[in-house]
PDB file of all heavy atoms in Angstrom:
ATOM      1  N   GLY A   1     -19.929  48.248  45.159  1.00  0.00           N
ATOM      2  CA  GLY A   1     -19.657  48.684  43.801  1.00  0.00           C
ATOM      3  C   GLY A   1     -18.262  49.236  43.606  1.00  0.00           C
ATOM      4  O   GLY A   1     -18.000  49.978  42.659  1.00  0.00           O
ATOM      5  N   VAL A   2     -17.336  48.869  44.499  1.00  0.00           N
ATOM      6  CA  VAL A   2     -15.952  49.326  44.402  1.00  0.00           C
ATOM      7  C   VAL A   2     -15.124  48.224  43.756  1.00  0.00           C
ATOM      8  O   VAL A   2     -15.142  47.076  44.192  1.00  0.00           O
ATOM      9  CB  VAL A   2     -15.366  49.664  45.793  1.00  0.00           C
ATOM     10  CG1 VAL A   2     -13.907  50.077  45.663  1.00  0.00           C
ATOM     11  CG2 VAL A   2     -16.183  50.756  46.454  1.00  0.00           C
ATOM     12  N   LYS A   3     -14.410  48.572  42.697  1.00  0.00           N
ATOM     13  CA  LYS A   3     -13.591  47.593  41.996  1.00  0.00           C
ATOM     14  C   LYS A   3     -12.127  48.028  42.049  1.00  0.00           C
ATOM     15  O   LYS A   3     -11.821  49.204  41.852  1.00  0.00           O
ATOM     16  CB  LYS A   3     -14.031  47.445  40.541  1.00  0.00           C
ATOM     17  CG  LYS A   3     -15.452  46.878  40.386  1.00  0.00           C
ATOM     18  CD  LYS A   3     -15.789  46.662  38.927  1.00  0.00           C
ATOM     19  CE  LYS A   3     -17.193  46.093  38.772  1.00  0.00           C
ATOM     20  NZ  LYS A   3     -17.330  44.773  39.413  1.00  0.00           N
ATOM     21  N   SER A   4     -11.242  47.076  42.300  1.00  0.00           N
ATOM     22  CA  SER A   4      -9.814  47.381  42.306  1.00  0.00           C
ATOM     23  C   SER A   4      -9.285  47.346  40.880  1.00  0.00           C
ATOM     24  O   SER A   4      -9.756  46.566  40.046  1.00  0.00           O
ATOM     25  CB  SER A   4      -9.056  46.377  43.171  1.00  0.00           C
ATOM     26  OG  SER A   4      -9.192  45.069  42.643  1.00  0.00           O
ATOM     27  N   ASN A   5      -8.308  48.170  40.611  1.00  0.00           N
ATOM     28  CA  ASN A   5      -7.747  48.245  39.270  1.00  0.00           C
ATOM     29  C   ASN A   5      -6.275  48.625  39.381  1.00  0.00           C
ATOM     30  O   ASN A   5      -5.908  49.791  39.304  1.00  0.00           O
ATOM     31  CB  ASN A   5      -8.505  49.268  38.427  1.00  0.00           C
ATOM     32  CG  ASN A   5      -8.080  49.236  36.975  1.00  0.00           C
ATOM     33  OD1 ASN A   5      -7.414  48.303  36.540  1.00  0.00           O
ATOM     34  ND2 ASN A   5      -8.445  50.266  36.222  1.00  0.00           N
ATOM     35  N   PHE A   6      -5.428  47.611  39.612  1.00  0.00           N
ATOM     36  CA  PHE A   6      -4.012  47.863  39.836  1.00  0.00           C
ATOM     37  C   PHE A   6      -3.219  47.587  38.566  1.00  0.00           C
ATOM     38  O   PHE A   6      -3.486  46.616  37.855  1.00  0.00           O
ATOM     39  CB  PHE A   6      -3.467  46.979  40.960  1.00  0.00           C
ATOM     40  CG  PHE A   6      -4.093  47.249  42.301  1.00  0.00           C
ATOM     41  CD1 PHE A   6      -5.095  46.427  42.791  1.00  0.00           C
ATOM     42  CD2 PHE A   6      -3.679  48.322  43.063  1.00  0.00           C
ATOM     43  CE1 PHE A   6      -5.667  46.680  44.019  1.00  0.00           C
ATOM     44  CE2 PHE A   6      -4.248  48.576  44.299  1.00  0.00           C
ATOM     45  CZ  PHE A   6      -5.249  47.755  44.779  1.00  0.00           C
ATOM     46  N   ILE A   7      -2.264  48.430  38.304  1.00  0.00           N
ATOM     47  CA  ILE A   7      -1.308  48.192  37.230  1.00  0.00           C
ATOM     48  C   ILE A   7       0.012  47.817  37.893  1.00  0.00           C
ATOM     49  O   ILE A   7       0.609  48.615  38.620  1.00  0.00           O
ATOM     50  CB  ILE A   7      -1.128  49.448  36.352  1.00  0.00           C
ATOM     51  CG1 ILE A   7      -2.467  49.829  35.708  1.00  0.00           C
ATOM     52  CG2 ILE A   7      -0.076  49.201  35.281  1.00  0.00           C
ATOM     53  CD1 ILE A   7      -2.422  51.130  34.943  1.00  0.00           C
ATOM     54  N   THR A   8       0.460  46.607  37.690  1.00  0.00           N
ATOM     55  CA  THR A   8       1.645  46.112  38.398  1.00  0.00           C
ATOM     56  C   THR A   8       2.722  45.678  37.407  1.00  0.00           C
ATOM     57  O   THR A   8       2.453  45.425  36.223  1.00  0.00           O
ATOM     58  CB  THR A   8       1.291  44.911  39.297  1.00  0.00           C
ATOM     59  OG1 THR A   8       0.884  43.805  38.469  1.00  0.00           O
ATOM     60  CG2 THR A   8       0.164  45.265  40.250  1.00  0.00           C
ATOM     61  N   SER A   9       3.919  45.555  37.919  1.00  0.00           N
ATOM     62  CA  SER A   9       5.050  45.125  37.102  1.00  0.00           C
ATOM     63  C   SER A   9       5.185  43.610  37.073  1.00  0.00           C
ATOM     64  O   SER A   9       6.013  43.073  36.348  1.00  0.00           O
ATOM     65  CB  SER A   9       6.344  45.738  37.634  1.00  0.00           C
ATOM     66  OG  SER A   9       6.538  45.362  38.985  1.00  0.00           O
ATOM     67  N   GLY A  10       4.389  42.916  37.869  1.00  0.00           N
ATOM     68  CA  GLY A  10       4.459  41.460  37.905  1.00  0.00           C
ATOM     69  C   GLY A  10       3.206  40.879  38.523  1.00  0.00           C
ATOM     70  O   GLY A  10       2.452  41.572  39.214  1.00  0.00           O
ATOM     71  N   GLU A  11       2.974  39.598  38.320  1.00  0.00           N
ATOM     72  CA  GLU A  11       1.742  38.952  38.762  1.00  0.00           C
ATOM     73  C   GLU A  11       1.602  38.921  40.277  1.00  0.00           C
ATOM     74  O   GLU A  11       0.493  38.851  40.798  1.00  0.00           O
ATOM     75  CB  GLU A  11       1.674  37.528  38.213  1.00  0.00           C
ATOM     76  CG  GLU A  11       1.555  37.451  36.697  1.00  0.00           C
ATOM     77  CD  GLU A  11       1.524  36.014  36.201  1.00  0.00           C
ATOM     78  OE1 GLU A  11       1.735  35.109  37.048  1.00  0.00           O
ATOM     79  OE2 GLU A  11       1.302  35.793  35.002  1.00  0.00           O
ATOM     80  N   LEU A  12       2.716  38.974  40.998  1.00  0.00           N
ATOM     81  CA  LEU A  12       2.670  38.846  42.456  1.00  0.00           C
ATOM     82  C   LEU A  12       2.861  40.172  43.186  1.00  0.00           C
ATOM     83  O   LEU A  12       2.879  40.197  44.411  1.00  0.00           O
ATOM     84  CB  LEU A  12       3.738  37.848  42.925  1.00  0.00           C
ATOM     85  CG  LEU A  12       3.566  36.414  42.411  1.00  0.00           C
ATOM     86  CD1 LEU A  12       4.738  35.551  42.855  1.00  0.00           C
ATOM     87  CD2 LEU A  12       2.253  35.814  42.880  1.00  0.00           C
ATOM     88  N   LYS A  13       2.997  41.258  42.429  1.00  0.00           N
ATOM     89  CA  LYS A  13       3.264  42.545  43.062  1.00  0.00           C
ATOM     90  C   LYS A  13       2.123  42.975  43.980  1.00  0.00           C
ATOM     91  O   LYS A  13       2.352  43.597  45.026  1.00  0.00           O
ATOM     92  CB  LYS A  13       3.501  43.610  41.983  1.00  0.00           C
ATOM     93  CG  LYS A  13       3.819  45.001  42.531  1.00  0.00           C
ATOM     94  CD  LYS A  13       5.092  45.001  43.341  1.00  0.00           C
ATOM     95  CE  LYS A  13       5.429  46.382  43.871  1.00  0.00           C
ATOM     96  NZ  LYS A  13       6.615  46.372  44.732  1.00  0.00           N
ATOM     97  N   ALA A  14       0.884  42.656  43.649  1.00  0.00           N
ATOM     98  CA  ALA A  14      -0.274  43.083  44.441  1.00  0.00           C
ATOM     99  C   ALA A  14      -0.775  41.993  45.380  1.00  0.00           C
ATOM    100  O   ALA A  14      -1.877  42.106  45.926  1.00  0.00           O
ATOM    101  CB  ALA A  14      -1.399  43.540  43.512  1.00  0.00           C
ATOM    102  N   ALA A  15       0.023  40.953  45.576  1.00  0.00           N
ATOM    103  CA  ALA A  15      -0.404  39.844  46.435  1.00  0.00           C
ATOM    104  C   ALA A  15      -0.683  40.329  47.852  1.00  0.00           C
ATOM    105  O   ALA A  15       0.136  41.020  48.457  1.00  0.00           O
ATOM    106  CB  ALA A  15       0.669  38.765  46.464  1.00  0.00           C
ATOM    107  N   GLY A  16      -1.847  39.982  48.374  1.00  0.00           N
ATOM    108  CA  GLY A  16      -2.195  40.321  49.755  1.00  0.00           C
ATOM    109  C   GLY A  16      -2.909  41.635  49.926  1.00  0.00           C
ATOM    110  O   GLY A  16      -3.313  41.963  51.054  1.00  0.00           O
ATOM    111  N   LEU A  17      -3.095  42.411  48.859  1.00  0.00           N
ATOM    112  CA  LEU A  17      -3.819  43.675  49.008  1.00  0.00           C
ATOM    113  C   LEU A  17      -5.283  43.400  49.318  1.00  0.00           C
ATOM    114  O   LEU A  17      -5.890  42.480  48.744  1.00  0.00           O
ATOM    115  CB  LEU A  17      -3.697  44.525  47.730  1.00  0.00           C
ATOM    116  CG  LEU A  17      -2.294  45.070  47.437  1.00  0.00           C
ATOM    117  CD1 LEU A  17      -2.306  45.896  46.162  1.00  0.00           C
ATOM    118  CD2 LEU A  17      -1.781  45.912  48.594  1.00  0.00           C
ATOM    119  N   PRO A  18      -5.878  44.160  50.239  1.00  0.00           N
ATOM    120  CA  PRO A  18      -7.213  43.826  50.750  1.00  0.00           C
ATOM    121  C   PRO A  18      -8.332  43.875  49.718  1.00  0.00           C
ATOM    122  O   PRO A  18      -9.355  43.206  49.880  1.00  0.00           O
ATOM    123  CB  PRO A  18      -7.441  44.861  51.857  1.00  0.00           C
ATOM    124  CG  PRO A  18      -6.489  45.959  51.581  1.00  0.00           C
ATOM    125  CD  PRO A  18      -5.308  45.321  50.938  1.00  0.00           C
ATOM    126  N   LEU A  19      -8.182  44.641  48.635  1.00  0.00           N
ATOM    127  CA  LEU A  19      -9.245  44.735  47.635  1.00  0.00           C
ATOM    128  C   LEU A  19      -9.157  43.644  46.579  1.00  0.00           C
ATOM    129  O   LEU A  19     -10.054  43.515  45.745  1.00  0.00           O
ATOM    130  CB  LEU A  19      -9.205  46.109  46.947  1.00  0.00           C
ATOM    131  CG  LEU A  19      -9.682  47.302  47.780  1.00  0.00           C
ATOM    132  CD1 LEU A  19      -9.480  48.604  47.019  1.00  0.00           C
ATOM    133  CD2 LEU A  19     -11.142  47.142  48.175  1.00  0.00           C
ATOM    134  N   ASN A  20      -8.085  42.866  46.617  1.00  0.00           N
ATOM    135  CA  ASN A  20      -7.896  41.805  45.622  1.00  0.00           C
ATOM    136  C   ASN A  20      -8.314  40.452  46.184  1.00  0.00           C
ATOM    137  O   ASN A  20      -7.993  40.115  47.332  1.00  0.00           O
ATOM    138  CB  ASN A  20      -6.422  41.724  45.208  1.00  0.00           C
ATOM    139  CG  ASN A  20      -6.075  42.695  44.118  1.00  0.00           C
ATOM    140  OD1 ASN A  20      -6.903  43.488  43.695  1.00  0.00           O
ATOM    141  ND2 ASN A  20      -4.833  42.641  43.652  1.00  0.00           N
ATOM    142  N   LYS A  21      -8.999  39.680  45.383  1.00  0.00           N
ATOM    143  CA  LYS A  21      -9.244  38.285  45.744  1.00  0.00           C
ATOM    144  C   LYS A  21      -7.947  37.518  45.522  1.00  0.00           C
ATOM    145  O   LYS A  21      -7.346  37.597  44.447  1.00  0.00           O
ATOM    146  CB  LYS A  21     -10.365  37.697  44.886  1.00  0.00           C
ATOM    147  CG  LYS A  21     -11.744  38.263  45.180  1.00  0.00           C
ATOM    148  CD  LYS A  21     -12.803  37.553  44.360  1.00  0.00           C
ATOM    149  CE  LYS A  21     -14.188  38.164  44.607  1.00  0.00           C
ATOM    150  NZ  LYS A  21     -14.626  37.966  46.005  1.00  0.00           N
ATOM    151  N   MET A  22      -7.500  36.786  46.546  1.00  0.00           N
ATOM    152  CA  MET A  22      -6.224  36.102  46.458  1.00  0.00           C
ATOM    153  C   MET A  22      -6.307  34.919  45.505  1.00  0.00           C
ATOM    154  O   MET A  22      -7.200  34.080  45.609  1.00  0.00           O
ATOM    155  CB  MET A  22      -5.770  35.634  47.845  1.00  0.00           C
ATOM    156  CG  MET A  22      -4.359  35.082  47.870  1.00  0.00           C
ATOM    157  SD  MET A  22      -3.835  34.574  49.532  1.00  0.00           S
ATOM    158  CE  MET A  22      -3.827  36.162  50.376  1.00  0.00           C
ATOM    159  N   THR A  23      -5.360  34.845  44.598  1.00  0.00           N
ATOM    160  CA  THR A  23      -5.298  33.733  43.655  1.00  0.00           C
ATOM    161  C   THR A  23      -4.506  32.584  44.276  1.00  0.00           C
ATOM    162  O   THR A  23      -3.721  32.781  45.210  1.00  0.00           O
ATOM    163  CB  THR A  23      -4.610  34.159  42.349  1.00  0.00           C
ATOM    164  OG1 THR A  23      -3.232  34.458  42.626  1.00  0.00           O
ATOM    165  CG2 THR A  23      -5.294  35.388  41.753  1.00  0.00           C
ATOM    166  N   PRO A  24      -4.671  31.353  43.777  1.00  0.00           N
ATOM    167  CA  PRO A  24      -3.873  30.230  44.282  1.00  0.00           C
ATOM    168  C   PRO A  24      -2.371  30.486  44.168  1.00  0.00           C
ATOM    169  O   PRO A  24      -1.598  30.093  45.047  1.00  0.00           O
ATOM    170  CB  PRO A  24      -4.305  29.070  43.385  1.00  0.00           C
ATOM    171  CG  PRO A  24      -5.696  29.419  42.964  1.00  0.00           C
ATOM    172  CD  PRO A  24      -5.689  30.910  42.802  1.00  0.00           C
ATOM    173  N   GLN A  25      -1.942  31.165  43.107  1.00  0.00           N
ATOM    174  CA  GLN A  25      -0.524  31.475  42.930  1.00  0.00           C
ATOM    175  C   GLN A  25      -0.024  32.433  44.008  1.00  0.00           C
ATOM    176  O   GLN A  25       1.067  32.251  44.558  1.00  0.00           O
ATOM    177  CB  GLN A  25      -0.297  32.079  41.539  1.00  0.00           C
ATOM    178  CG  GLN A  25       1.180  32.350  41.231  1.00  0.00           C
ATOM    179  CD  GLN A  25       1.371  33.033  39.892  1.00  0.00           C
ATOM    180  OE1 GLN A  25       0.414  33.506  39.288  1.00  0.00           O
ATOM    181  NE2 GLN A  25       2.611  33.087  39.414  1.00  0.00           N
ATOM    182  N   GLU A  26      -0.845  33.451  44.347  1.00  0.00           N
ATOM    183  CA  GLU A  26      -0.468  34.407  45.387  1.00  0.00           C
ATOM    184  C   GLU A  26      -0.409  33.721  46.748  1.00  0.00           C
ATOM    185  O   GLU A  26       0.504  33.970  47.536  1.00  0.00           O
ATOM    186  CB  GLU A  26      -1.475  35.559  45.412  1.00  0.00           C
ATOM    187  CG  GLU A  26      -1.373  36.490  44.218  1.00  0.00           C
ATOM    188  CD  GLU A  26      -2.481  37.526  44.183  1.00  0.00           C
ATOM    189  OE1 GLU A  26      -3.534  37.297  44.825  1.00  0.00           O
ATOM    190  OE2 GLU A  26      -2.312  38.567  43.534  1.00  0.00           O
ATOM    191  N   ARG A  27      -1.386  32.852  47.019  1.00  0.00           N
ATOM    192  CA  ARG A  27      -1.391  32.150  48.314  1.00  0.00           C
ATOM    193  C   ARG A  27      -0.156  31.268  48.448  1.00  0.00           C
ATOM    194  O   ARG A  27       0.470  31.211  49.514  1.00  0.00           O
ATOM    195  CB  ARG A  27      -2.668  31.322  48.456  1.00  0.00           C
ATOM    196  CG  ARG A  27      -2.733  30.517  49.753  1.00  0.00           C
ATOM    197  CD  ARG A  27      -4.099  29.937  50.002  1.00  0.00           C
ATOM    198  NE  ARG A  27      -5.054  30.982  50.346  1.00  0.00           N
ATOM    199  CZ  ARG A  27      -5.174  31.508  51.559  1.00  0.00           C
ATOM    200  NH1 ARG A  27      -4.380  31.095  52.552  1.00  0.00           N
ATOM    201  NH2 ARG A  27      -6.072  32.434  51.794  1.00  0.00           N
ATOM    202  N   ALA A  28       0.195  30.568  47.377  1.00  0.00           N
ATOM    203  CA  ALA A  28       1.374  29.706  47.424  1.00  0.00           C
ATOM    204  C   ALA A  28       2.643  30.522  47.658  1.00  0.00           C
ATOM    205  O   ALA A  28       3.536  30.111  48.411  1.00  0.00           O
ATOM    206  CB  ALA A  28       1.478  28.910  46.127  1.00  0.00           C
ATOM    207  N   TYR A  29       2.718  31.685  47.021  1.00  0.00           N
ATOM    208  CA  TYR A  29       3.881  32.571  47.182  1.00  0.00           C
ATOM    209  C   TYR A  29       4.008  33.068  48.624  1.00  0.00           C
ATOM    210  O   TYR A  29       5.085  33.020  49.224  1.00  0.00           O
ATOM    211  CB  TYR A  29       3.752  33.735  46.209  1.00  0.00           C
ATOM    212  CG  TYR A  29       4.508  34.984  46.612  1.00  0.00           C
ATOM    213  CD1 TYR A  29       5.894  35.006  46.665  1.00  0.00           C
ATOM    214  CD2 TYR A  29       3.812  36.144  46.944  1.00  0.00           C
ATOM    215  CE1 TYR A  29       6.577  36.154  47.039  1.00  0.00           C
ATOM    216  CE2 TYR A  29       4.483  37.295  47.315  1.00  0.00           C
ATOM    217  CZ  TYR A  29       5.862  37.295  47.365  1.00  0.00           C
ATOM    218  OH  TYR A  29       6.528  38.426  47.739  1.00  0.00           O
ATOM    219  N   LEU A  30       2.881  33.532  49.188  1.00  0.00           N
ATOM    220  CA  LEU A  30       2.913  34.051  50.554  1.00  0.00           C
ATOM    221  C   LEU A  30       3.182  32.932  51.557  1.00  0.00           C
ATOM    222  O   LEU A  30       3.902  33.130  52.541  1.00  0.00           O
ATOM    223  CB  LEU A  30       1.598  34.755  50.876  1.00  0.00           C
ATOM    224  CG  LEU A  30       1.334  36.048  50.087  1.00  0.00           C
ATOM    225  CD1 LEU A  30      -0.064  36.582  50.379  1.00  0.00           C
ATOM    226  CD2 LEU A  30       2.376  37.110  50.414  1.00  0.00           C
ATOM    227  N   GLN A  31       2.628  31.749  51.326  1.00  0.00           N
ATOM    228  CA  GLN A  31       2.881  30.617  52.216  1.00  0.00           C
ATOM    229  C   GLN A  31       4.349  30.234  52.182  1.00  0.00           C
ATOM    230  O   GLN A  31       4.952  29.919  53.221  1.00  0.00           O
ATOM    231  CB  GLN A  31       2.019  29.423  51.811  1.00  0.00           C
ATOM    232  CG  GLN A  31       2.138  28.228  52.756  1.00  0.00           C
ATOM    233  CD  GLN A  31       1.660  28.553  54.165  1.00  0.00           C
ATOM    234  OE1 GLN A  31       0.522  28.942  54.366  1.00  0.00           O
ATOM    235  NE2 GLN A  31       2.549  28.386  55.154  1.00  0.00           N
ATOM    236  N   SER A  32       4.954  30.274  50.997  1.00  0.00           N
ATOM    237  CA  SER A  32       6.382  29.972  50.875  1.00  0.00           C
ATOM    238  C   SER A  32       7.223  30.966  51.670  1.00  0.00           C
ATOM    239  O   SER A  32       8.209  30.592  52.322  1.00  0.00           O
ATOM    240  CB  SER A  32       6.784  29.998  49.399  1.00  0.00           C
ATOM    241  OG  SER A  32       8.182  29.860  49.265  1.00  0.00           O
ATOM    242  N   THR A  33       6.817  32.247  51.640  1.00  0.00           N
ATOM    243  CA  THR A  33       7.537  33.276  52.393  1.00  0.00           C
ATOM    244  C   THR A  33       7.445  33.018  53.892  1.00  0.00           C
ATOM    245  O   THR A  33       8.438  33.103  54.618  1.00  0.00           O
ATOM    246  CB  THR A  33       6.967  34.663  52.064  1.00  0.00           C
ATOM    247  OG1 THR A  33       7.076  34.896  50.657  1.00  0.00           O
ATOM    248  CG2 THR A  33       7.723  35.759  52.812  1.00  0.00           C
ATOM    249  N   VAL A  34       6.236  32.696  54.361  1.00  0.00           N
ATOM    250  CA  VAL A  34       6.041  32.388  55.784  1.00  0.00           C
ATOM    251  C   VAL A  34       6.875  31.178  56.182  1.00  0.00           C
ATOM    252  O   VAL A  34       7.493  31.152  57.255  1.00  0.00           O
ATOM    253  CB  VAL A  34       4.547  32.148  56.074  1.00  0.00           C
ATOM    254  CG1 VAL A  34       4.363  31.521  57.460  1.00  0.00           C
ATOM    255  CG2 VAL A  34       3.768  33.453  56.001  1.00  0.00           C
ATOM    256  N   ASP A  35       6.906  30.149  55.331  1.00  0.00           N
ATOM    257  CA  ASP A  35       7.670  28.934  55.638  1.00  0.00           C
ATOM    258  C   ASP A  35       9.163  29.250  55.765  1.00  0.00           C
ATOM    259  O   ASP A  35       9.854  28.705  56.640  1.00  0.00           O
ATOM    260  CB  ASP A  35       7.452  27.884  54.550  1.00  0.00           C
ATOM    261  CG  ASP A  35       6.029  27.329  54.553  1.00  0.00           C
ATOM    262  OD1 ASP A  35       5.329  27.510  55.571  1.00  0.00           O
ATOM    263  OD2 ASP A  35       5.622  26.743  53.530  1.00  0.00           O
ATOM    264  N   GLN A  36       9.679  30.124  54.893  1.00  0.00           N
ATOM    265  CA  GLN A  36      11.087  30.503  54.973  1.00  0.00           C
ATOM    266  C   GLN A  36      11.387  31.234  56.282  1.00  0.00           C
ATOM    267  O   GLN A  36      12.413  30.988  56.930  1.00  0.00           O
ATOM    268  CB  GLN A  36      11.461  31.398  53.792  1.00  0.00           C
ATOM    269  CG  GLN A  36      11.457  30.700  52.449  1.00  0.00           C
ATOM    270  CD  GLN A  36      11.779  31.650  51.316  1.00  0.00           C
ATOM    271  OE1 GLN A  36      12.852  32.245  51.276  1.00  0.00           O
ATOM    272  NE2 GLN A  36      10.850  31.826  50.392  1.00  0.00           N
ATOM    273  N   LEU A  37      10.488  32.129  56.657  1.00  0.00           N
ATOM    274  CA  LEU A  37      10.680  32.867  57.913  1.00  0.00           C
ATOM    275  C   LEU A  37      10.580  31.934  59.115  1.00  0.00           C
ATOM    276  O   LEU A  37      11.319  32.080  60.093  1.00  0.00           O
ATOM    277  CB  LEU A  37       9.634  33.988  58.022  1.00  0.00           C
ATOM    278  CG  LEU A  37       9.813  35.128  57.014  1.00  0.00           C
ATOM    279  CD1 LEU A  37       8.579  36.030  57.005  1.00  0.00           C
ATOM    280  CD2 LEU A  37      11.048  35.947  57.340  1.00  0.00           C
ATOM    281  N   GLN A  38       9.682  30.949  59.035  1.00  0.00           N
ATOM    282  CA  GLN A  38       9.555  29.978  60.124  1.00  0.00           C
ATOM    283  C   GLN A  38      10.839  29.167  60.250  1.00  0.00           C
ATOM    284  O   GLN A  38      11.282  28.852  61.369  1.00  0.00           O
ATOM    285  CB  GLN A  38       8.355  29.062  59.865  1.00  0.00           C
ATOM    286  CG  GLN A  38       8.181  27.933  60.880  1.00  0.00           C
ATOM    287  CD  GLN A  38       7.729  28.417  62.249  1.00  0.00           C
ATOM    288  OE1 GLN A  38       7.882  29.591  62.595  1.00  0.00           O
ATOM    289  NE2 GLN A  38       7.169  27.519  63.036  1.00  0.00           N
ATOM    290  N   ASP A  39      11.454  28.820  59.125  1.00  0.00           N
ATOM    291  CA  ASP A  39      12.725  28.083  59.169  1.00  0.00           C
ATOM    292  C   ASP A  39      13.807  28.911  59.872  1.00  0.00           C
ATOM    293  O   ASP A  39      14.637  28.366  60.612  1.00  0.00           O
ATOM    294  CB  ASP A  39      13.180  27.729  57.755  1.00  0.00           C
ATOM    295  CG  ASP A  39      12.340  26.623  57.122  1.00  0.00           C
ATOM    296  OD1 ASP A  39      11.639  25.917  57.874  1.00  0.00           O
ATOM    297  OD2 ASP A  39      12.380  26.477  55.886  1.00  0.00           O
ATOM    298  N   ILE A  40      13.803  30.238  59.621  1.00  0.00           N
ATOM    299  CA  ILE A  40      14.768  31.112  60.293  1.00  0.00           C
ATOM    300  C   ILE A  40      14.528  31.094  61.799  1.00  0.00           C
ATOM    301  O   ILE A  40      15.467  30.942  62.598  1.00  0.00           O
ATOM    302  CB  ILE A  40      14.657  32.546  59.744  1.00  0.00           C
ATOM    303  CG1 ILE A  40      15.099  32.598  58.275  1.00  0.00           C
ATOM    304  CG2 ILE A  40      15.498  33.516  60.593  1.00  0.00           C
ATOM    305  CD1 ILE A  40      14.848  33.932  57.600  1.00  0.00           C
TER     306      ILE A  40
END
């Protein structure tokens, strides 16, 4: 019965927080970040 309720400045600010269900947009953003780091 615990619900998350975040007020953020942008749609991706809370990406990856454990109480949030990850959206396709958040997953794509985080995957892009990992890919950039892998390129480095």
